[in-house]
Amino acid sequence: MESTGGSQSNEIDLFVIGNPLLDISVWENDNNLLEKYSLKLGDACLANEQQMPIYKELFERSDMKSSPGGAGLNACRGARYML
């Protein structure tokens, strides 16, 4: 923290580097989407070339919800809340 004129500043500069992530959620009553893209229930992975079309399919759905995140963004959110 930098202060000027003897008064203490309440401003804090925070710089964070991290991996950006985007959580995408849709409702499924069966495993057709998982089977179509060779995915496992409850698993997390990076999409391979065969799985890349899933993004277009998900973003075209009316029940799709997305939430930005990632370690860096979540750390910033936590710091903002605490500070």
Protein backbone atom coordinates (compact mmCIF):
# COMPACT_ATOMS: atom_id res chain seq x y z
CA MET A 1 0.00 0.00 0.00
CA GLU A 2 1.23 3.42 -0.85
CA SER A 3 0.35 6.46 1.21
CA THR A 4 0.76 10.14 0.45
CA GLY A 5 0.87 13.13 2.76
CA GLY A 6 0.89 11.05 5.92
CA SER A 7 -2.58 9.55 5.35
CA GLN A 8 -2.96 5.86 4.72
CA SER A 9 -4.76 4.78 1.53
CA ASN A 10 -7.41 2.04 1.66
CA GLU A 11 -6.80 1.07 -1.96
CA ILE A 12 -4.98 -2.14 -2.79
CA ASP A 13 -3.71 -3.13 -6.22
CA LEU A 14 -4.15 -6.82 -6.91
CA PHE A 15 -2.70 -8.57 -9.95
CA VAL A 16 -3.57 -12.22 -10.57
CA ILE A 17 -2.53 -14.60 -13.34
CA GLY A 18 -4.45 -17.84 -13.77
CA ASN A 19 -6.11 -20.23 -16.16
CA PRO A 20 -9.48 -19.00 -17.40
CA LEU A 21 -12.33 -21.48 -17.23
CA LEU A 22 -15.94 -21.40 -18.29
CA ASP A 23 -18.39 -23.73 -16.58
CA ILE A 24 -21.24 -24.78 -18.88
CA SER A 25 -24.34 -26.50 -17.47
CA VAL A 26 -27.31 -28.12 -19.21
CA TRP A 27 -30.05 -30.49 -18.04
CA GLU A 28 -29.82 -34.08 -19.30
CA ASN A 29 -32.18 -36.96 -18.48
CA ASP A 30 -29.99 -39.57 -20.14
CA ASN A 31 -26.36 -40.10 -21.08
CA ASN A 32 -26.75 -39.47 -24.84
CA LEU A 33 -24.62 -36.32 -24.83
CA LEU A 34 -21.91 -38.02 -22.77
CA GLU A 35 -21.85 -41.04 -25.05
CA LYS A 36 -21.89 -38.91 -28.21
CA TYR A 37 -18.69 -37.12 -27.14
CA SER A 38 -17.02 -40.03 -25.25
CA LEU A 39 -17.28 -38.30 -21.87
CA LYS A 40 -17.59 -39.83 -18.40
CA LEU A 41 -20.19 -38.78 -15.83
CA GLY A 42 -18.61 -36.64 -13.10
CA ASP A 43 -15.29 -36.32 -14.94
CA ALA A 44 -13.39 -33.17 -15.93
CA CYS A 45 -11.09 -33.06 -18.96
CA LEU A 46 -9.78 -30.87 -21.74
CA ALA A 47 -11.77 -31.29 -24.94
CA ASN A 48 -10.01 -33.20 -27.68
CA GLU A 49 -10.55 -32.59 -31.41
CA GLN A 50 -13.52 -35.01 -31.59
CA GLN A 51 -15.23 -33.25 -28.67
CA MET A 52 -14.87 -29.66 -29.94
CA PRO A 53 -18.34 -29.60 -31.62
CA ILE A 54 -19.93 -30.00 -28.17
CA TYR A 55 -19.46 -26.27 -27.53
CA LYS A 56 -21.62 -25.22 -30.49
CA GLU A 57 -24.23 -27.78 -29.47
CA LEU A 58 -24.29 -26.59 -25.86
CA PHE A 59 -24.42 -22.88 -26.68
CA GLU A 60 -27.40 -23.44 -28.99
CA ARG A 61 -29.47 -24.98 -26.17
CA SER A 62 -32.03 -22.81 -24.40
CA ASP A 63 -31.26 -24.39 -21.00
CA MET A 64 -27.51 -23.66 -21.19
CA LYS A 65 -26.05 -21.68 -18.29
CA SER A 66 -22.45 -20.50 -18.19
CA SER A 67 -20.33 -19.19 -15.35
CA PRO A 68 -16.83 -17.76 -15.77
CA GLY A 69 -14.27 -18.98 -13.26
CA GLY A 70 -10.84 -20.43 -12.85
CA ALA A 71 -8.29 -20.31 -10.08
CA GLY A 72 -7.22 -16.72 -10.79
CA LEU A 73 -10.72 -15.30 -11.11
CA ASN A 74 -11.93 -17.15 -8.03
CA ALA A 75 -8.91 -15.89 -6.03
CA CYS A 76 -9.80 -12.31 -7.08
CA ARG A 77 -13.40 -12.82 -6.05
CA GLY A 78 -12.31 -14.14 -2.66
CA ALA A 79 -9.83 -11.27 -2.15
CA ARG A 80 -12.48 -8.70 -3.12
CA TYR A 81 -14.89 -10.19 -0.62
CA MET A 82 -12.29 -10.26 2.17
CA LEU A 83 -10.84 -6.81 1.47
